[in-house]
Each structure stands twice: as structure tokens, then as C-alpha cells.
Amino acid sequence: MKPIPLSTVQKLSITFFMIGVILMVLGICTGTMVGLIILMVAGWIVLIGDIIFIVLFFRCPHCGEGLVKIRSDYCPHCGNYLR
């Protein structure tokens, strides 16, 4: 399986996060209990899926180690440039 480029993973994770938050806000704004439950559950599913996506695919393209905490442009495990 070919790894997904790091910039694509970042863009997709931000997009999924925003979709999850929007679904939850729409659920709160619907005014009905059914809408609240359905949209809140859908929002939580998207957010949990986003977390799983980040854990699986947010990795260094050189060594394959997870990059949960990035504070620089270099991999904390192998030291290679990430961008």
C-alpha cells in the first residue's frame, strides 16, 4: 500500500474535523430531539473516524513512525525533513 502524502493527510484530517463539528452544531440547532441525537451521533462518528485516520496515516514518509506531536519540520524519530 502506497503511503498517503503528509500534506494530504493534514488536509483530510482538518476537513473531517470540521465536518464533525458542523454536524454537531447543526444537531444542537435543529430544535428537535431526533435531529439532536442523529446529528450529534453522526458528528461523534466522524470525529472518532478522524482520530483513527490520524493514528493510522499521520506518519513520517521516511521511517514510517507515527507523528502525533509535530513541533518542527523534522521527524523526531529519524531526523529527516518532512515537507
PDB file of N, CA and C in Angstrom:
ATOM      1  N   MET A   1       0.843  -1.179   0.000  1.00  0.00           N
ATOM      2  CA  MET A   1       0.000   0.000   0.000  1.00  0.00           C
ATOM      3  C   MET A   1       0.887   1.241   0.000  1.00  0.00           C
ATOM      4  N   LYS A   2       0.638   2.129  -0.947  1.00  0.00           N
ATOM      5  CA  LYS A   2       1.410   3.358  -1.053  1.00  0.00           C
ATOM      6  C   LYS A   2       0.982   4.337   0.039  1.00  0.00           C
ATOM      7  N   PRO A   3       1.940   4.917   0.778  1.00  0.00           N
ATOM      8  CA  PRO A   3       1.555   5.859   1.842  1.00  0.00           C
ATOM      9  C   PRO A   3       0.962   7.146   1.264  1.00  0.00           C
ATOM     10  N   ILE A   4       0.039   7.716   2.006  1.00  0.00           N
ATOM     11  CA  ILE A   4      -0.587   8.979   1.615  1.00  0.00           C
ATOM     12  C   ILE A   4       0.380  10.107   1.974  1.00  0.00           C
ATOM     13  N   PRO A   5       0.581  11.084   1.076  1.00  0.00           N
ATOM     14  CA  PRO A   5       1.471  12.206   1.401  1.00  0.00           C
ATOM     15  C   PRO A   5       1.010  12.935   2.673  1.00  0.00           C
ATOM     16  N   LEU A   6       1.971  13.400   3.442  1.00  0.00           N
ATOM     17  CA  LEU A   6       1.684  14.039   4.729  1.00  0.00           C
ATOM     18  C   LEU A   6       0.786  15.264   4.574  1.00  0.00           C
ATOM     19  N   SER A   7       0.980  16.050   3.532  1.00  0.00           N
ATOM     20  CA  SER A   7       0.140  17.243   3.337  1.00  0.00           C
ATOM     21  C   SER A   7      -1.314  16.851   3.062  1.00  0.00           C
ATOM     22  N   THR A   8      -1.528  15.746   2.350  1.00  0.00           N
ATOM     23  CA  THR A   8      -2.882  15.269   2.092  1.00  0.00           C
ATOM     24  C   THR A   8      -3.538  14.777   3.370  1.00  0.00           C
ATOM     25  N   VAL A   9      -2.780  14.087   4.205  1.00  0.00           N
ATOM     26  CA  VAL A   9      -3.312  13.608   5.487  1.00  0.00           C
ATOM     27  C   VAL A   9      -3.729  14.782   6.353  1.00  0.00           C
ATOM     28  N   GLN A  10      -2.915  15.836   6.384  1.00  0.00           N
ATOM     29  CA  GLN A  10      -3.254  17.008   7.181  1.00  0.00           C
ATOM     30  C   GLN A  10      -4.522  17.677   6.667  1.00  0.00           C
ATOM     31  N   LYS A  11      -4.644  17.834   5.354  1.00  0.00           N
ATOM     32  CA  LYS A  11      -5.832  18.477   4.783  1.00  0.00           C
ATOM     33  C   LYS A  11      -7.086  17.650   5.042  1.00  0.00           C
ATOM     34  N   LEU A  12      -6.990  16.340   4.865  1.00  0.00           N
ATOM     35  CA  LEU A  12      -8.148  15.477   5.100  1.00  0.00           C
ATOM     36  C   LEU A  12      -8.556  15.459   6.565  1.00  0.00           C
ATOM     37  N   SER A  13      -7.585  15.433   7.476  1.00  0.00           N
ATOM     38  CA  SER A  13      -7.934  15.391   8.896  1.00  0.00           C
ATOM     39  C   SER A  13      -8.605  16.692   9.334  1.00  0.00           C
ATOM     40  N   ILE A  14      -8.152  17.820   8.815  1.00  0.00           N
ATOM     41  CA  ILE A  14      -8.801  19.095   9.139  1.00  0.00           C
ATOM     42  C   ILE A  14     -10.216  19.130   8.558  1.00  0.00           C
ATOM     43  N   THR A  15     -10.381  18.624   7.334  1.00  0.00           N
ATOM     44  CA  THR A  15     -11.703  18.593   6.704  1.00  0.00           C
ATOM     45  C   THR A  15     -12.671  17.710   7.487  1.00  0.00           C
ATOM     46  N   PHE A  16     -12.222  16.506   7.873  1.00  0.00           N
ATOM     47  CA  PHE A  16     -13.078  15.609   8.656  1.00  0.00           C
ATOM     48  C   PHE A  16     -13.431  16.219  10.010  1.00  0.00           C
ATOM     49  N   PHE A  17     -12.476  16.890  10.638  1.00  0.00           N
ATOM     50  CA  PHE A  17     -12.739  17.527  11.922  1.00  0.00           C
ATOM     51  C   PHE A  17     -13.827  18.594  11.771  1.00  0.00           C
ATOM     52  N   MET A  18     -13.703  19.426  10.724  1.00  0.00           N
ATOM     53  CA  MET A  18     -14.687  20.488  10.515  1.00  0.00           C
ATOM     54  C   MET A  18     -16.069  19.907  10.210  1.00  0.00           C
ATOM     55  N   ILE A  19     -16.130  18.844   9.423  1.00  0.00           N
ATOM     56  CA  ILE A  19     -17.415  18.208   9.125  1.00  0.00           C
ATOM     57  C   ILE A  19     -18.056  17.679  10.403  1.00  0.00           C
ATOM     58  N   GLY A  20     -17.253  17.039  11.265  1.00  0.00           N
ATOM     59  CA  GLY A  20     -17.776  16.526  12.527  1.00  0.00           C
ATOM     60  C   GLY A  20     -18.319  17.626  13.421  1.00  0.00           C
ATOM     61  N   VAL A  21     -17.594  18.728  13.510  1.00  0.00           N
ATOM     62  CA  VAL A  21     -18.032  19.846  14.345  1.00  0.00           C
ATOM     63  C   VAL A  21     -19.297  20.480  13.766  1.00  0.00           C
ATOM     64  N   ILE A  22     -19.344  20.648  12.447  1.00  0.00           N
ATOM     65  CA  ILE A  22     -20.534  21.232  11.821  1.00  0.00           C
ATOM     66  C   ILE A  22     -21.757  20.349  12.047  1.00  0.00           C
ATOM     67  N   LEU A  23     -21.602  19.035  11.920  1.00  0.00           N
ATOM     68  CA  LEU A  23     -22.724  18.132  12.185  1.00  0.00           C
ATOM     69  C   LEU A  23     -23.222  18.269  13.623  1.00  0.00           C
ATOM     70  N   MET A  24     -22.297  18.394  14.564  1.00  0.00           N
ATOM     71  CA  MET A  24     -22.698  18.518  15.965  1.00  0.00           C
ATOM     72  C   MET A  24     -23.401  19.848  16.215  1.00  0.00           C
ATOM     73  N   VAL A  25     -22.918  20.924  15.613  1.00  0.00           N
ATOM     74  CA  VAL A  25     -23.561  22.233  15.779  1.00  0.00           C
ATOM     75  C   VAL A  25     -24.945  22.229  15.134  1.00  0.00           C
ATOM     76  N   LEU A  26     -25.061  21.610  13.959  1.00  0.00           N
ATOM     77  CA  LEU A  26     -26.373  21.503  13.320  1.00  0.00           C
ATOM     78  C   LEU A  26     -27.334  20.686  14.183  1.00  0.00           C
ATOM     79  N   GLY A  27     -26.820  19.664  14.835  1.00  0.00           N
ATOM     80  CA  GLY A  27     -27.658  18.865  15.726  1.00  0.00           C
ATOM     81  C   GLY A  27     -28.185  19.682  16.889  1.00  0.00           C
ATOM     82  N   ILE A  28     -27.346  20.549  17.417  1.00  0.00           N
ATOM     83  CA  ILE A  28     -27.774  21.401  18.524  1.00  0.00           C
ATOM     84  C   ILE A  28     -28.800  22.430  18.046  1.00  0.00           C
ATOM     85  N   CYS A  29     -28.635  22.913  16.826  1.00  0.00           N
ATOM     86  CA  CYS A  29     -29.502  23.974  16.305  1.00  0.00           C
ATOM     87  C   CYS A  29     -30.819  23.476  15.720  1.00  0.00           C
ATOM     88  N   THR A  30     -31.004  22.171  15.561  1.00  0.00           N
ATOM     89  CA  THR A  30     -32.236  21.684  14.925  1.00  0.00           C
ATOM     90  C   THR A  30     -33.471  21.951  15.763  1.00  0.00           C
ATOM     91  N   GLY A  31     -33.372  21.873  17.051  1.00  0.00           N
ATOM     92  CA  GLY A  31     -34.517  22.138  17.911  1.00  0.00           C
ATOM     93  C   GLY A  31     -35.369  20.919  18.190  1.00  0.00           C
ATOM     94  N   THR A  32     -35.078  19.804  17.550  1.00  0.00           N
ATOM     95  CA  THR A  32     -35.829  18.578  17.832  1.00  0.00           C
ATOM     96  C   THR A  32     -34.894  17.556  18.458  1.00  0.00           C
ATOM     97  N   MET A  33     -35.455  16.703  19.284  1.00  0.00           N
ATOM     98  CA  MET A  33     -34.646  15.706  19.964  1.00  0.00           C
ATOM     99  C   MET A  33     -34.078  14.683  18.988  1.00  0.00           C
ATOM    100  N   VAL A  34     -34.870  14.297  17.979  1.00  0.00           N
ATOM    101  CA  VAL A  34     -34.402  13.314  16.991  1.00  0.00           C
ATOM    102  C   VAL A  34     -33.237  13.884  16.185  1.00  0.00           C
ATOM    103  N   GLY A  35     -33.373  15.133  15.739  1.00  0.00           N
ATOM    104  CA  GLY A  35     -32.291  15.776  14.995  1.00  0.00           C
ATOM    105  C   GLY A  35     -31.045  15.918  15.831  1.00  0.00           C
ATOM    106  N   LEU A  36     -31.236  16.263  17.091  1.00  0.00           N
ATOM    107  CA  LEU A  36     -30.107  16.398  18.000  1.00  0.00           C
ATOM    108  C   LEU A  36     -29.366  15.081  18.134  1.00  0.00           C
ATOM    109  N   ILE A  37     -30.089  14.019  18.367  1.00  0.00           N
ATOM    110  CA  ILE A  37     -29.451  12.715  18.575  1.00  0.00           C
ATOM    111  C   ILE A  37     -28.769  12.235  17.297  1.00  0.00           C
ATOM    112  N   ILE A  38     -29.471  12.309  16.170  1.00  0.00           N
ATOM    113  CA  ILE A  38     -28.915  11.792  14.912  1.00  0.00           C
ATOM    114  C   ILE A  38     -27.668  12.565  14.495  1.00  0.00           C
ATOM    115  N   LEU A  39     -27.750  13.881  14.503  1.00  0.00           N
ATOM    116  CA  LEU A  39     -26.613  14.677  14.051  1.00  0.00           C
ATOM    117  C   LEU A  39     -25.463  14.659  15.055  1.00  0.00           C
ATOM    118  N   MET A  40     -25.759  14.616  16.341  1.00  0.00           N
ATOM    119  CA  MET A  40     -24.683  14.525  17.329  1.00  0.00           C
ATOM    120  C   MET A  40     -23.952  13.195  17.206  1.00  0.00           C
ATOM    121  N   VAL A  41     -24.691  12.103  17.025  1.00  0.00           N
ATOM    122  CA  VAL A  41     -24.058  10.795  16.859  1.00  0.00           C
ATOM    123  C   VAL A  41     -23.230  10.771  15.573  1.00  0.00           C
ATOM    124  N   ALA A  42     -23.776  11.335  14.498  1.00  0.00           N
ATOM    125  CA  ALA A  42     -23.024  11.385  13.238  1.00  0.00           C
ATOM    126  C   ALA A  42     -21.750  12.213  13.400  1.00  0.00           C
ATOM    127  N   GLY A  43     -21.842  13.329  14.109  1.00  0.00           N
ATOM    128  CA  GLY A  43     -20.661  14.161  14.360  1.00  0.00           C
ATOM    129  C   GLY A  43     -19.610  13.426  15.156  1.00  0.00           C
ATOM    130  N   TRP A  44     -20.042  12.709  16.199  1.00  0.00           N
ATOM    131  CA  TRP A  44     -19.085  11.935  17.008  1.00  0.00           C
ATOM    132  C   TRP A  44     -18.441  10.819  16.192  1.00  0.00           C
ATOM    133  N   ILE A  45     -19.209  10.172  15.333  1.00  0.00           N
ATOM    134  CA  ILE A  45     -18.648   9.108  14.494  1.00  0.00           C
ATOM    135  C   ILE A  45     -17.583   9.673  13.555  1.00  0.00           C
ATOM    136  N   VAL A  46     -17.852  10.830  12.964  1.00  0.00           N
ATOM    137  CA  VAL A  46     -16.876  11.457  12.073  1.00  0.00           C
ATOM    138  C   VAL A  46     -15.622  11.845  12.857  1.00  0.00           C
ATOM    139  N   LEU A  47     -15.775  12.407  14.049  1.00  0.00           N
ATOM    140  CA  LEU A  47     -14.613  12.804  14.848  1.00  0.00           C
ATOM    141  C   LEU A  47     -13.793  11.602  15.300  1.00  0.00           C
ATOM    142  N   ILE A  48     -14.439  10.536  15.702  1.00  0.00           N
ATOM    143  CA  ILE A  48     -13.714   9.330  16.094  1.00  0.00           C
ATOM    144  C   ILE A  48     -13.011   8.717  14.876  1.00  0.00           C
ATOM    145  N   GLY A  49     -13.695   8.737  13.729  1.00  0.00           N
ATOM    146  CA  GLY A  49     -13.060   8.269  12.498  1.00  0.00           C
ATOM    147  C   GLY A  49     -11.849   9.111  12.130  1.00  0.00           C
ATOM    148  N   ASP A  50     -11.923  10.420  12.377  1.00  0.00           N
ATOM    149  CA  ASP A  50     -10.792  11.306  12.114  1.00  0.00           C
ATOM    150  C   ASP A  50      -9.612  10.965  13.013  1.00  0.00           C
ATOM    151  N   ILE A  51      -9.869  10.683  14.267  1.00  0.00           N
ATOM    152  CA  ILE A  51      -8.788  10.304  15.186  1.00  0.00           C
ATOM    153  C   ILE A  51      -8.131   9.004  14.724  1.00  0.00           C
ATOM    154  N   ILE A  52      -8.934   8.039  14.322  1.00  0.00           N
ATOM    155  CA  ILE A  52      -8.385   6.771  13.823  1.00  0.00           C
ATOM    156  C   ILE A  52      -7.576   7.015  12.545  1.00  0.00           C
ATOM    157  N   PHE A  53      -8.080   7.869  11.656  1.00  0.00           N
ATOM    158  CA  PHE A  53      -7.371   8.215  10.419  1.00  0.00           C
ATOM    159  C   PHE A  53      -6.009   8.833  10.733  1.00  0.00           C
ATOM    160  N   ILE A  54      -5.971   9.752  11.697  1.00  0.00           N
ATOM    161  CA  ILE A  54      -4.710  10.402  12.071  1.00  0.00           C
ATOM    162  C   ILE A  54      -3.722   9.382  12.629  1.00  0.00           C
ATOM    163  N   VAL A  55      -4.191   8.502  13.500  1.00  0.00           N
ATOM    164  CA  VAL A  55      -3.297   7.500  14.101  1.00  0.00           C
ATOM    165  C   VAL A  55      -2.730   6.568  13.029  1.00  0.00           C
ATOM    166  N   LEU A  56      -3.550   6.198  12.047  1.00  0.00           N
ATOM    167  CA  LEU A  56      -3.110   5.242  11.030  1.00  0.00           C
ATOM    168  C   LEU A  56      -2.224   5.866   9.951  1.00  0.00           C
ATOM    169  N   PHE A  57      -2.500   7.099   9.545  1.00  0.00           N
ATOM    170  CA  PHE A  57      -1.842   7.648   8.361  1.00  0.00           C
ATOM    171  C   PHE A  57      -0.938   8.848   8.608  1.00  0.00           C
ATOM    172  N   PHE A  58      -0.935   9.445   9.780  1.00  0.00           N
ATOM    173  CA  PHE A  58      -0.082  10.606  10.058  1.00  0.00           C
ATOM    174  C   PHE A  58       1.284  10.090  10.491  1.00  0.00           C
ATOM    175  N   ARG A  59       2.089   9.709   9.489  1.00  0.00           N
ATOM    176  CA  ARG A  59       3.373   9.063   9.737  1.00  0.00           C
ATOM    177  C   ARG A  59       4.470   9.723   8.913  1.00  0.00           C
ATOM    178  N   CYS A  60       5.689   9.545   9.378  1.00  0.00           N
ATOM    179  CA  CYS A  60       6.846  10.040   8.648  1.00  0.00           C
ATOM    180  C   CYS A  60       6.956   9.274   7.332  1.00  0.00           C
ATOM    181  N   PRO A  61       7.128   9.986   6.204  1.00  0.00           N
ATOM    182  CA  PRO A  61       7.245   9.287   4.929  1.00  0.00           C
ATOM    183  C   PRO A  61       8.569   8.537   4.769  1.00  0.00           C
ATOM    184  N   HIS A  62       9.541   8.815   5.638  1.00  0.00           N
ATOM    185  CA  HIS A  62      10.854   8.175   5.529  1.00  0.00           C
ATOM    186  C   HIS A  62      10.964   6.917   6.388  1.00  0.00           C
ATOM    187  N   CYS A  63      10.589   7.032   7.674  1.00  0.00           N
ATOM    188  CA  CYS A  63      10.766   5.886   8.579  1.00  0.00           C
ATOM    189  C   CYS A  63       9.459   5.196   8.941  1.00  0.00           C
ATOM    190  N   GLY A  64       8.312   5.846   8.695  1.00  0.00           N
ATOM    191  CA  GLY A  64       7.018   5.234   8.964  1.00  0.00           C
ATOM    192  C   GLY A  64       6.548   5.335  10.406  1.00  0.00           C
ATOM    193  N   GLU A  65       7.282   6.030  11.257  1.00  0.00           N
ATOM    194  CA  GLU A  65       6.868   6.202  12.655  1.00  0.00           C
ATOM    195  C   GLU A  65       5.754   7.231  12.751  1.00  0.00           C
ATOM    196  N   GLY A  66       4.901   7.079  13.765  1.00  0.00           N
ATOM    197  CA  GLY A  66       3.790   7.992  13.973  1.00  0.00           C
ATOM    198  C   GLY A  66       4.251   9.387  14.337  1.00  0.00           C
ATOM    199  N   LEU A  67       3.526  10.374  13.843  1.00  0.00           N
ATOM    200  CA  LEU A  67       3.852  11.782  14.092  1.00  0.00           C
ATOM    201  C   LEU A  67       2.705  12.447  14.833  1.00  0.00           C
ATOM    202  N   VAL A  68       2.373  11.946  15.993  1.00  0.00           N
ATOM    203  CA  VAL A  68       1.253  12.508  16.748  1.00  0.00           C
ATOM    204  C   VAL A  68       1.571  13.934  17.194  1.00  0.00           C
ATOM    205  N   LYS A  69       2.796  14.182  17.595  1.00  0.00           N
ATOM    206  CA  LYS A  69       3.191  15.522  18.038  1.00  0.00           C
ATOM    207  C   LYS A  69       4.271  16.053  17.100  1.00  0.00           C
ATOM    208  N   ILE A  70       3.897  17.022  16.281  1.00  0.00           N
ATOM    209  CA  ILE A  70       4.893  17.659  15.407  1.00  0.00           C
ATOM    210  C   ILE A  70       5.103  19.080  15.895  1.00  0.00           C
ATOM    211  N   ARG A  71       6.330  19.377  16.204  1.00  0.00           N
ATOM    212  CA  ARG A  71       6.667  20.741  16.617  1.00  0.00           C
ATOM    213  C   ARG A  71       7.707  21.355  15.693  1.00  0.00           C
ATOM    214  N   SER A  72       8.178  20.588  14.734  1.00  0.00           N
ATOM    215  CA  SER A  72       9.164  21.106  13.798  1.00  0.00           C
ATOM    216  C   SER A  72       8.914  20.484  12.427  1.00  0.00           C
ATOM    217  N   ASP A  73       9.768  20.825  11.494  1.00  0.00           N
ATOM    218  CA  ASP A  73       9.660  20.280  10.146  1.00  0.00           C
ATOM    219  C   ASP A  73      10.464  18.998   9.981  1.00  0.00           C
ATOM    220  N   TYR A  74      10.966  18.463  11.081  1.00  0.00           N
ATOM    221  CA  TYR A  74      11.783  17.261  11.028  1.00  0.00           C
ATOM    222  C   TYR A  74      11.149  16.149  11.861  1.00  0.00           C
ATOM    223  N   CYS A  75      11.327  14.919  11.423  1.00  0.00           N
ATOM    224  CA  CYS A  75      10.802  13.769  12.144  1.00  0.00           C
ATOM    225  C   CYS A  75      11.563  13.611  13.457  1.00  0.00           C
ATOM    226  N   PRO A  76      10.866  13.447  14.590  1.00  0.00           N
ATOM    227  CA  PRO A  76      11.561  13.284  15.858  1.00  0.00           C
ATOM    228  C   PRO A  76      12.247  11.913  15.986  1.00  0.00           C
ATOM    229  N   HIS A  77      11.898  10.971  15.104  1.00  0.00           N
ATOM    230  CA  HIS A  77      12.466   9.622  15.190  1.00  0.00           C
ATOM    231  C   HIS A  77      13.710   9.456  14.324  1.00  0.00           C
ATOM    232  N   CYS A  78      13.630   9.896  13.046  1.00  0.00           N
ATOM    233  CA  CYS A  78      14.766   9.685  12.136  1.00  0.00           C
ATOM    234  C   CYS A  78      15.489  10.975  11.775  1.00  0.00           C
ATOM    235  N   GLY A  79      14.879  12.129  12.028  1.00  0.00           N
ATOM    236  CA  GLY A  79      15.519  13.404  11.772  1.00  0.00           C
ATOM    237  C   GLY A  79      15.404  13.905  10.341  1.00  0.00           C
ATOM    238  N   ASN A  80      14.697  13.198   9.475  1.00  0.00           N
ATOM    239  CA  ASN A  80      14.542  13.634   8.084  1.00  0.00           C
ATOM    240  C   ASN A  80      13.538  14.769   7.976  1.00  0.00           C
ATOM    241  N   TYR A  81      13.723  15.581   6.936  1.00  0.00           N
ATOM    242  CA  TYR A  81      12.831  16.714   6.666  1.00  0.00           C
ATOM    243  C   TYR A  81      11.476  16.197   6.204  1.00  0.00           C
ATOM    244  N   LEU A  82      10.392  16.759   6.737  1.00  0.00           N
ATOM    245  CA  LEU A  82       9.041  16.238   6.487  1.00  0.00           C
ATOM    246  C   LEU A  82       8.348  16.912   5.306  1.00  0.00           C
ATOM    247  N   ARG A  83       8.706  18.103   4.946  1.00  0.00           N
ATOM    248  CA  ARG A  83       7.933  18.795   3.916  1.00  0.00           C
ATOM    249  C   ARG A  83       8.704  18.951   2.644  1.00  0.00           C
TER     250      ARG A  83
END
